[in-house]
Protein backbone atom coordinates (compact mmCIF):
# COMPACT_ATOMS: atom_id res chain seq x y z
CA MET A 1 53.29 23.62 -170.06
CA PHE A 2 55.53 21.44 -167.87
CA ASP A 3 58.70 23.45 -167.22
CA LEU A 4 61.54 21.28 -165.95
CA HIS A 5 64.00 24.15 -165.86
CA ARG A 6 61.69 26.22 -163.66
CA ILE A 7 61.13 23.33 -161.25
CA GLN A 8 64.85 22.65 -160.95
CA ALA A 9 65.50 26.34 -160.34
CA ALA A 10 62.95 26.23 -157.51
CA LEU A 11 64.64 23.17 -156.02
CA THR A 12 67.94 25.04 -156.06
CA GLU A 13 66.37 28.12 -154.45
CA LEU A 14 64.79 26.00 -151.69
CA ASN A 15 67.96 23.94 -151.20
CA LEU A 16 66.25 20.62 -151.97
CA ASP A 17 67.92 17.68 -153.68
CA ALA A 18 64.80 16.45 -155.44
CA TRP A 19 61.02 16.37 -155.66
CA LEU A 20 59.39 12.95 -155.62
CA LEU A 21 55.88 13.05 -157.09
CA TYR A 22 53.59 10.08 -156.52
CA ASP A 23 49.99 9.17 -157.31
CA PHE A 24 47.63 6.23 -156.94
CA ARG A 25 44.20 6.42 -158.55
CA GLY A 26 43.98 10.19 -158.24
CA SER A 27 45.00 10.33 -154.58
CA ASN A 28 47.46 13.17 -155.25
CA ILE A 29 45.66 15.79 -157.31
CA LEU A 30 48.52 18.22 -156.68
CA ALA A 31 51.09 15.93 -158.31
CA ARG A 32 48.74 15.25 -161.20
CA ARG A 33 48.35 18.96 -161.88
CA VAL A 34 52.07 19.65 -161.68
CA LEU A 35 52.69 16.78 -164.11
CA GLU A 36 49.86 17.97 -166.37
CA LEU A 37 47.91 14.74 -166.40
CA ALA A 38 44.45 15.01 -167.92
CA PRO A 39 41.55 14.71 -165.46
CA ASP A 40 40.26 11.65 -167.34
CA GLN A 41 43.68 9.97 -167.30
CA MET A 42 43.11 8.37 -163.93
CA GLY A 43 44.97 5.06 -164.12
CA SER A 44 44.79 2.26 -161.60
CA ARG A 45 48.45 1.67 -160.77
CA ARG A 46 51.02 3.66 -158.81
CA PHE A 47 53.57 5.87 -160.51
CA PHE A 48 56.53 7.88 -159.23
CA TYR A 49 58.37 10.75 -160.90
CA LEU A 50 61.60 12.07 -159.40
CA ILE A 51 62.84 15.51 -160.42
CA PRO A 52 66.42 16.06 -159.24
CA ARG A 53 67.91 19.48 -158.67
CA THR A 54 70.13 18.86 -161.68
CA GLY A 55 70.10 16.20 -164.35
CA GLU A 56 67.49 13.97 -165.89
CA PRO A 57 64.18 13.12 -164.18
CA LEU A 58 63.36 9.48 -163.50
CA LYS A 59 60.04 7.68 -164.02
CA LEU A 60 58.69 4.55 -162.35
CA VAL A 61 55.51 3.17 -163.95
CA HIS A 62 53.58 -0.10 -163.99
CA ARG A 63 53.75 -2.38 -167.02
CA ILE A 64 49.99 -2.16 -167.59
CA GLU A 65 50.23 1.66 -167.70
CA SER A 66 53.77 2.04 -168.95
CA GLY A 67 52.91 5.12 -171.01
CA ALA A 68 51.38 7.10 -168.14
CA LEU A 69 54.25 9.61 -167.98
CA ASP A 70 55.45 9.48 -171.59
CA HIS A 71 54.62 13.17 -172.09
CA LEU A 72 57.31 14.09 -169.54
CA PRO A 73 61.09 14.17 -169.95
CA GLY A 74 63.27 11.53 -168.30
CA SER A 75 64.21 7.88 -168.42
CA LYS A 76 61.69 5.20 -167.52
CA THR A 77 61.74 2.11 -165.35
CA VAL A 78 58.83 -0.30 -165.68
CA TYR A 79 57.77 -2.54 -162.78
CA LEU A 80 55.34 -5.41 -162.49
CA LYS A 81 55.97 -7.23 -159.22
CA TRP A 82 55.89 -5.51 -155.84
CA GLN A 83 59.55 -6.41 -155.39
CA GLU A 84 60.30 -4.48 -158.58
CA LEU A 85 58.28 -1.53 -157.29
CA GLU A 86 60.33 -1.35 -154.11
CA ALA A 87 63.59 -1.75 -156.01
CA GLY A 88 62.46 0.96 -158.42
CA ILE A 89 61.74 3.45 -155.63
CA LYS A 90 65.14 2.72 -154.13
CA HIS A 91 66.72 3.43 -157.51
CA LEU A 92 64.84 6.71 -157.84
CA VAL A 93 66.05 8.18 -154.56
CA SER A 94 69.55 6.72 -154.62
CA GLY A 95 72.01 9.49 -153.82
CA GLN A 96 69.30 11.96 -152.77
CA LYS A 97 69.41 13.30 -149.22
CA VAL A 98 66.59 15.83 -148.88
CA VAL A 99 63.50 15.11 -150.97
CA ALA A 100 60.21 17.00 -151.07
CA MET A 101 56.91 15.12 -151.15
CA GLU A 102 53.24 16.03 -150.64
CA TYR A 103 53.52 15.46 -146.92
CA SER A 104 53.16 17.46 -143.74
CA PRO A 105 54.32 16.40 -140.27
CA GLY A 106 51.70 15.49 -137.72
CA VAL A 107 48.34 17.04 -138.53
CA SER A 108 49.80 20.38 -139.57
CA ASN A 109 48.57 20.88 -143.13
CA PRO A 110 45.89 18.70 -144.74
CA TYR A 111 46.04 20.68 -147.99
CA ILE A 112 49.40 19.20 -148.96
CA SER A 113 49.14 15.82 -147.17
CA ARG A 114 48.43 13.69 -150.24
CA VAL A 115 50.90 10.81 -149.91
CA ASP A 116 49.91 7.86 -147.73
CA GLY A 117 51.84 7.09 -144.55
CA GLY A 118 53.16 3.74 -145.76
CA THR A 119 54.80 5.28 -148.81
CA ILE A 120 56.36 7.99 -146.66
CA GLU A 121 57.66 5.36 -144.25
CA PHE A 122 59.16 3.30 -147.06
CA VAL A 123 60.98 6.23 -148.68
CA ARG A 124 62.20 7.45 -145.31
CA GLY A 125 63.44 3.94 -144.57
CA LEU A 126 65.79 4.26 -147.54
CA GLY A 127 67.71 6.93 -145.63
CA VAL A 128 66.02 9.90 -147.27
CA GLU A 129 64.93 13.01 -145.35
CA ILE A 130 61.41 13.90 -146.51
CA VAL A 131 60.29 17.52 -146.25
CA PRO A 132 56.94 19.11 -147.14
CA SER A 133 56.57 20.27 -150.73
CA GLY A 134 54.25 23.12 -149.71
CA ASN A 135 56.20 25.99 -151.25
CA LEU A 136 56.96 23.95 -154.36
CA ILE A 137 53.27 23.18 -154.74
CA GLN A 138 52.49 26.87 -154.40
CA ALA A 139 54.95 27.76 -157.12
CA PHE A 140 53.43 25.35 -159.61
CA GLU A 141 49.84 24.90 -158.45
CA ALA A 142 48.73 28.04 -156.60
CA THR A 143 50.38 30.72 -158.71
CA TRP A 144 48.40 32.37 -161.48
CA ASP A 145 49.48 33.30 -164.96
CA ASP A 146 48.37 36.52 -166.64
CA GLU A 147 45.27 34.93 -168.16
CA GLN A 148 44.08 33.61 -164.80
CA ALA A 149 44.68 36.97 -163.11
CA LYS A 150 42.65 38.66 -165.85
CA MET A 151 39.78 36.21 -165.30
CA HIS A 152 39.88 36.87 -161.55
CA PHE A 153 39.54 40.60 -162.04
CA GLU A 154 36.73 39.99 -164.52
CA ALA A 155 34.89 37.74 -162.06
CA ALA A 156 35.45 40.27 -159.27
CA VAL A 157 33.52 42.92 -161.22
CA HIS A 158 30.45 40.71 -161.14
CA THR A 159 30.83 39.37 -157.60
CA ASN A 160 31.08 42.99 -156.48
CA SER A 161 27.99 44.05 -158.44
CA ALA A 162 26.08 41.06 -157.05
CA TYR A 163 25.70 43.05 -153.83
CA GLU A 164 23.83 45.75 -155.70
CA VAL A 165 21.48 43.01 -156.87
CA ALA A 166 21.09 41.59 -153.35
CA TRP A 167 20.51 44.91 -151.57
CA SER A 168 18.14 46.15 -154.27
CA HIS A 169 16.17 42.92 -154.13
CA ILE A 170 15.80 43.23 -150.36
CA ALA A 171 14.72 46.87 -150.50
CA LYS A 172 12.18 46.27 -153.27
CA HIS A 173 10.53 43.22 -151.70
CA VAL A 174 10.49 44.56 -148.15
CA ARG A 175 8.81 47.76 -149.35
CA GLU A 176 6.33 45.99 -151.61
CA HIS A 177 5.57 42.82 -149.65
CA GLY A 178 6.97 43.39 -146.17
CA PHE A 179 9.59 40.66 -146.49
CA THR A 180 11.75 38.48 -148.72
CA THR A 181 13.63 35.26 -147.91
CA GLU A 182 17.22 34.09 -147.71
CA VAL A 183 16.57 31.65 -150.56
CA ALA A 184 15.05 34.36 -152.79
CA ILE A 185 18.10 36.58 -152.25
CA ARG A 186 20.41 33.64 -152.96
CA ASP A 187 18.53 32.86 -156.18
CA ALA A 188 18.71 36.48 -157.33
CA ILE A 189 22.49 36.36 -156.91
CA MET A 190 22.74 33.06 -158.79
CA ASP A 191 20.69 34.54 -161.65
CA HIS A 192 23.14 37.45 -161.73
CA PHE A 193 26.08 35.05 -161.94
CA HIS A 194 24.52 33.11 -164.80
CA LYS A 195 23.70 36.31 -166.67
CA HIS A 196 27.36 37.36 -166.55
CA GLY A 197 28.94 34.02 -167.40
CA LEU A 198 30.04 33.01 -163.92
CA THR A 199 29.91 29.60 -162.29
CA THR A 200 30.30 28.37 -158.72
CA TYR A 201 30.54 25.04 -156.95
CA HIS A 202 27.96 26.09 -154.33
CA PRO A 203 25.38 28.89 -154.02
CA PRO A 204 26.00 31.88 -151.72
CA ILE A 205 25.46 31.99 -147.98
CA VAL A 206 22.65 34.37 -147.05
CA GLY A 207 22.09 34.57 -143.31
CA VAL A 208 19.64 36.79 -141.46
CA GLY A 209 19.94 37.65 -137.76
CA PRO A 210 21.20 34.67 -135.69
CA ASN A 211 21.84 32.70 -138.89
CA SER A 212 24.65 35.11 -139.75
CA GLY A 213 26.43 34.02 -136.57
CA ASP A 214 27.14 30.59 -138.11
CA PRO A 215 30.22 30.97 -140.37
CA HIS A 216 29.17 28.03 -142.58
CA TYR A 217 25.42 28.47 -142.39
CA GLU A 218 23.37 26.76 -145.12
CA THR A 219 20.99 29.27 -146.66
CA GLY A 220 17.33 28.68 -145.86
CA THR A 221 17.83 26.20 -143.01
CA GLY A 222 17.55 28.48 -139.97
CA ALA A 223 14.72 28.76 -137.49
CA ARG A 224 13.67 32.00 -139.23
CA THR A 225 14.68 32.72 -142.80
CA GLU A 226 12.39 35.61 -143.73
CA VAL A 227 14.12 38.98 -144.11
CA ARG A 228 12.16 41.97 -142.81
CA GLU A 229 12.73 45.57 -141.83
CA GLY A 230 14.99 45.78 -138.78
CA ASP A 231 17.01 42.67 -139.70
CA PHE A 232 20.77 42.31 -139.93
CA ILE A 233 21.95 40.24 -142.90
CA LEU A 234 25.24 38.70 -144.08
CA VAL A 235 25.91 37.65 -147.68
CA ASP A 236 28.95 35.51 -148.55
CA LEU A 237 29.35 34.74 -152.25
CA TRP A 238 31.98 33.26 -154.55
CA ALA A 239 32.15 32.62 -158.28
CA LYS A 240 34.50 32.41 -161.25
CA CYS A 241 34.30 32.81 -165.01
CA ASP A 242 32.79 29.75 -166.66
CA ARG A 243 35.94 29.05 -168.65
CA PRO A 244 38.81 26.54 -168.35
CA ARG A 245 41.45 27.31 -165.70
CA SER A 246 39.44 30.20 -164.25
CA VAL A 247 39.93 31.23 -160.63
CA TYR A 248 37.52 32.43 -157.98
CA SER A 249 36.52 35.77 -156.49
CA ASP A 250 35.18 35.35 -152.93
CA LEU A 251 33.55 38.21 -150.99
CA THR A 252 31.44 38.77 -147.86
CA ARG A 253 29.51 41.90 -146.90
CA THR A 254 26.82 42.83 -144.40
CA GLY A 255 23.70 44.99 -144.46
CA PHE A 256 20.88 46.18 -142.24
CA VAL A 257 17.28 46.37 -143.45
CA GLY A 258 16.61 49.91 -142.32
CA LYS A 259 17.71 53.51 -142.77
CA GLU A 260 20.11 53.70 -139.80
CA VAL A 261 22.32 50.89 -138.52
CA PRO A 262 22.01 50.20 -134.77
CA SER A 263 25.14 50.73 -132.70
CA GLN A 264 25.60 47.08 -131.63
CA PHE A 265 26.11 46.06 -135.25
CA THR A 266 28.37 49.00 -136.04
CA LYS A 267 30.56 48.32 -132.99
CA ALA A 268 31.32 44.77 -134.08
CA PHE A 269 31.75 45.76 -137.73
CA ASN A 270 34.29 48.45 -136.92
CA VAL A 271 36.47 45.93 -135.09
CA VAL A 272 36.25 43.46 -137.98
CA ALA A 273 37.09 46.15 -140.54
CA ALA A 274 40.12 47.28 -138.51
CA ALA A 275 41.34 43.68 -138.31
CA ARG A 276 40.86 43.24 -142.06
CA ASP A 277 42.83 46.41 -142.74
CA ALA A 278 45.63 45.31 -140.38
CA ALA A 279 46.01 42.09 -142.37
CA ILE A 280 46.14 43.96 -145.67
CA GLU A 281 48.71 46.40 -144.31
CA THR A 282 50.87 43.51 -143.08
CA VAL A 283 51.03 42.09 -146.61
CA LYS A 284 51.72 45.47 -148.20
CA LYS A 285 54.46 46.32 -145.72
CA ALA A 286 56.21 42.98 -146.19
CA TYR A 287 56.31 43.40 -149.96
CA ALA A 288 57.28 47.07 -149.76
CA THR A 289 60.29 46.14 -147.62
CA SER A 290 61.11 42.86 -149.42
CA GLN A 291 60.61 40.84 -146.24
CA PRO A 292 59.53 37.18 -146.41
CA LEU A 293 55.99 36.73 -145.15
CA ARG A 294 54.27 33.58 -143.95
CA GLY A 295 50.59 32.94 -143.60
CA TRP A 296 50.65 32.72 -139.81
CA GLN A 297 51.99 36.26 -139.59
CA VAL A 298 49.01 37.69 -141.47
CA ASP A 299 46.64 35.79 -139.21
CA ASP A 300 48.40 37.07 -136.10
CA ALA A 301 48.18 40.70 -137.23
CA CYS A 302 44.49 40.38 -137.97
CA ARG A 303 43.57 38.33 -134.90
CA LYS A 304 45.36 40.69 -132.50
CA VAL A 305 42.95 43.51 -133.36
CA ILE A 306 39.92 41.37 -132.55
CA GLU A 307 41.47 39.93 -129.40
CA ASP A 308 42.47 43.39 -128.15
CA ALA A 309 38.86 44.50 -128.60
CA GLY A 310 37.68 41.64 -126.39
CA TYR A 311 36.16 39.47 -129.13
CA GLY A 312 38.92 36.87 -129.44
CA ALA A 313 36.65 33.97 -128.47
CA ASN A 314 34.19 35.04 -131.19
CA PHE A 315 36.67 34.83 -134.09
CA VAL A 316 36.43 31.11 -134.72
CA HIS A 317 38.22 30.53 -138.02
CA ARG A 318 41.47 31.44 -139.76
CA THR A 319 41.88 34.88 -141.28
CA GLY A 320 41.92 33.67 -144.87
CA HIS A 321 42.40 30.89 -147.37
CA SER A 322 44.23 30.44 -150.63
CA ILE A 323 42.14 31.09 -153.75
CA GLY A 324 42.57 29.27 -157.05
CA GLN A 325 40.60 27.12 -159.43
CA GLU A 326 38.89 25.92 -156.24
CA VAL A 327 37.60 28.64 -153.94
CA HIS A 328 39.73 27.08 -151.19
CA GLY A 329 42.97 26.72 -153.09
CA ASN A 330 46.22 24.91 -152.44
CA GLY A 331 48.49 27.83 -151.63
CA ALA A 332 49.29 29.42 -148.29
CA ASN A 333 46.38 30.12 -145.97
CA MET A 334 46.37 33.08 -143.59
CA ASP A 335 46.27 30.89 -140.53
CA ASN A 336 47.76 30.54 -137.07
CA LEU A 337 44.58 29.12 -135.52
CA GLU A 338 43.56 25.92 -137.26
CA THR A 339 47.14 25.27 -138.41
CA ARG A 340 50.40 27.19 -138.17
CA GLU A 341 50.86 28.18 -141.79
CA GLU A 342 54.59 28.25 -142.47
CA ARG A 343 54.29 28.53 -146.23
CA LEU A 344 55.32 31.82 -147.79
CA VAL A 345 52.89 34.37 -149.15
CA MET A 346 54.20 34.21 -152.71
CA ARG A 347 53.97 36.41 -155.76
CA ASN A 348 51.28 35.56 -158.31
CA THR A 349 49.05 34.08 -155.60
CA CYS A 350 45.69 35.16 -154.21
CA PHE A 351 44.01 34.65 -150.86
CA SER A 352 41.06 35.89 -148.86
CA VAL A 353 41.18 38.11 -145.80
CA GLU A 354 37.93 37.56 -143.90
CA PRO A 355 37.94 38.23 -140.15
CA GLY A 356 34.66 37.76 -138.32
CA ILE A 357 32.93 38.18 -134.99
CA TYR A 358 30.19 35.63 -134.36
CA LEU A 359 27.64 36.23 -131.61
CA PRO A 360 24.38 34.41 -130.78
CA GLU A 361 22.29 37.28 -132.14
CA PHE A 362 24.29 38.00 -135.31
CA GLY A 363 27.68 37.58 -136.97
CA VAL A 364 29.82 40.10 -138.84
CA ARG A 365 32.38 39.16 -141.47
CA SER A 366 34.18 41.36 -143.99
CA GLU A 367 35.87 39.41 -146.76
CA ILE A 368 38.07 40.71 -149.55
CA ASN A 369 40.65 39.10 -151.82
CA VAL A 370 44.33 39.99 -151.95
CA TYR A 371 46.33 39.25 -155.10
CA VAL A 372 50.11 39.74 -155.15
CA ASP A 373 51.26 40.10 -158.75
CA GLY A 374 54.56 39.11 -160.28
CA GLN A 375 56.15 42.48 -159.48
CA GLY A 376 55.13 42.28 -155.83
CA THR A 377 52.30 44.81 -156.10
CA VAL A 378 49.50 44.01 -153.66
CA HIS A 379 45.99 44.29 -155.12
CA VAL A 380 42.80 44.28 -153.07
CA THR A 381 40.15 43.01 -155.47
CA GLY A 382 36.35 43.05 -155.56
CA GLY A 383 35.57 46.75 -155.42
CA GLU A 384 35.91 49.28 -152.64
CA LEU A 385 36.47 48.06 -149.09
CA GLN A 386 33.27 48.02 -147.10
CA ARG A 387 33.65 50.80 -144.53
CA ALA A 388 30.25 50.52 -142.88
CA ILE A 389 27.28 48.18 -142.73
CA VAL A 390 24.95 49.05 -145.61
CA PRO A 391 21.67 50.71 -144.44
CA ILE A 392 19.66 48.99 -147.15
CA LEU A 393 16.44 50.99 -146.93
CA GLY A 394 18.42 54.21 -146.72
CA GLN A 395 20.47 53.56 -149.86
CA TYR A 396 18.22 51.46 -152.09
C-alpha cells in the first residue's frame, strides 16, 4: 500500500526536498510501481506527482486522463495545452531546491535512468537541482516484505535441489548412453521447476567445455553441445514461485563428468570461491559494525582476490546484481566495473554474488544470493556454499 509517511521520512533521512515522479506511456516502470499503478493502466498522456518532504503531494494530469492518480493523496492540477503542462510543472517544483528523479548523470546507471533528457532539462531550467532517486527507488521498489522473503527462501529450496536433478541426469545418461546434451539437462531442470510451482523468464544456461567460458551463453548453440565423460560443465539457473509479487533465486554451480576433478579446473574454482567468500565477508562485516556499504565496495573486495591471483582480465562482469521480481532487479548492484555503484546495500534487499574466471577452454562461476533482512542479519541463500567442483560420476 502507498505509504506517504514512509516516503516523506525517507526524504528527510536523505536530505531531499522532494521526489518528482513522472511517466509517459509506461516509460518509467519504477515510478509506476512506487505509485501502485496497475500494469494494465498504461495511459497515453504524461503525468507528474510531486511528494514534498513535508506537506501535501501535488498531481499534474492530462484532462483526458484526469483520474490517473486519483488513488493517491494530494491536490490535482489538470492540463490540456502544452503551455499548461509547462506552467503546471513550474507550479509543482516551486520552492523546491533539491529534487530526486529517476535520473543518473552521464551513463552511470541505466537501471534508474527512466526520465527523458528533455524533461530533465526543463525541470533543471526552473532552477531545481536534480539528484538521482536511486536510494529512494531501492527503499520502495527493491526492498522485500516478509511475504516476498518467504517466497525467496521457498524458491531457493527448489533451485538448490535442481542441481541434484542436473547432476543425476548427467550421471545416468552418460553411464547408460555415453552422453547427454546441454538441452536435455536444461529441460530436466525446467521440468523440476514446473513440478515445484516455479516459473522463470528464461531457461537455464547449461554450458559444456568452451561454452562455459561465455558468461551469457545460449544453451545448445555451441560448436559441441554433447556432454560426455571428461567434460567440465557449468549450470546457471534462476526461478521464482509462480505467484504474484514473487522474487527470484539465482544460482550457478559447476561440475566435472568424472570421478576426480583435474587440477586446472580446481585451481580456477578455488580462486573464484575465495573471491565469492571475500564479497560475503565484506557485507557481513559492514552490517556487524553498522558501517554504510555501497555496491562498488563489494565488487572491489571480490575483484581484488581474482586480480591478485592473476586472472583479472578473465573476470569480465560485475560481481553481482540486485534481485527482485525480475532476476536483475532495480536495487544496488555489486559493481565497480560496468558502473560505479554508489547506491547503498540496504536492509530487506537481495543481490547475487557471482565472480567468474572465463578462459577459452572453460569458465568457472560460483553464484549465490545474499539477503539482508530488516534486522541487518546477512543470509546466504540457496543451500550450502559450493566448496569444490562436483565430481559427477564419483558422487552420482
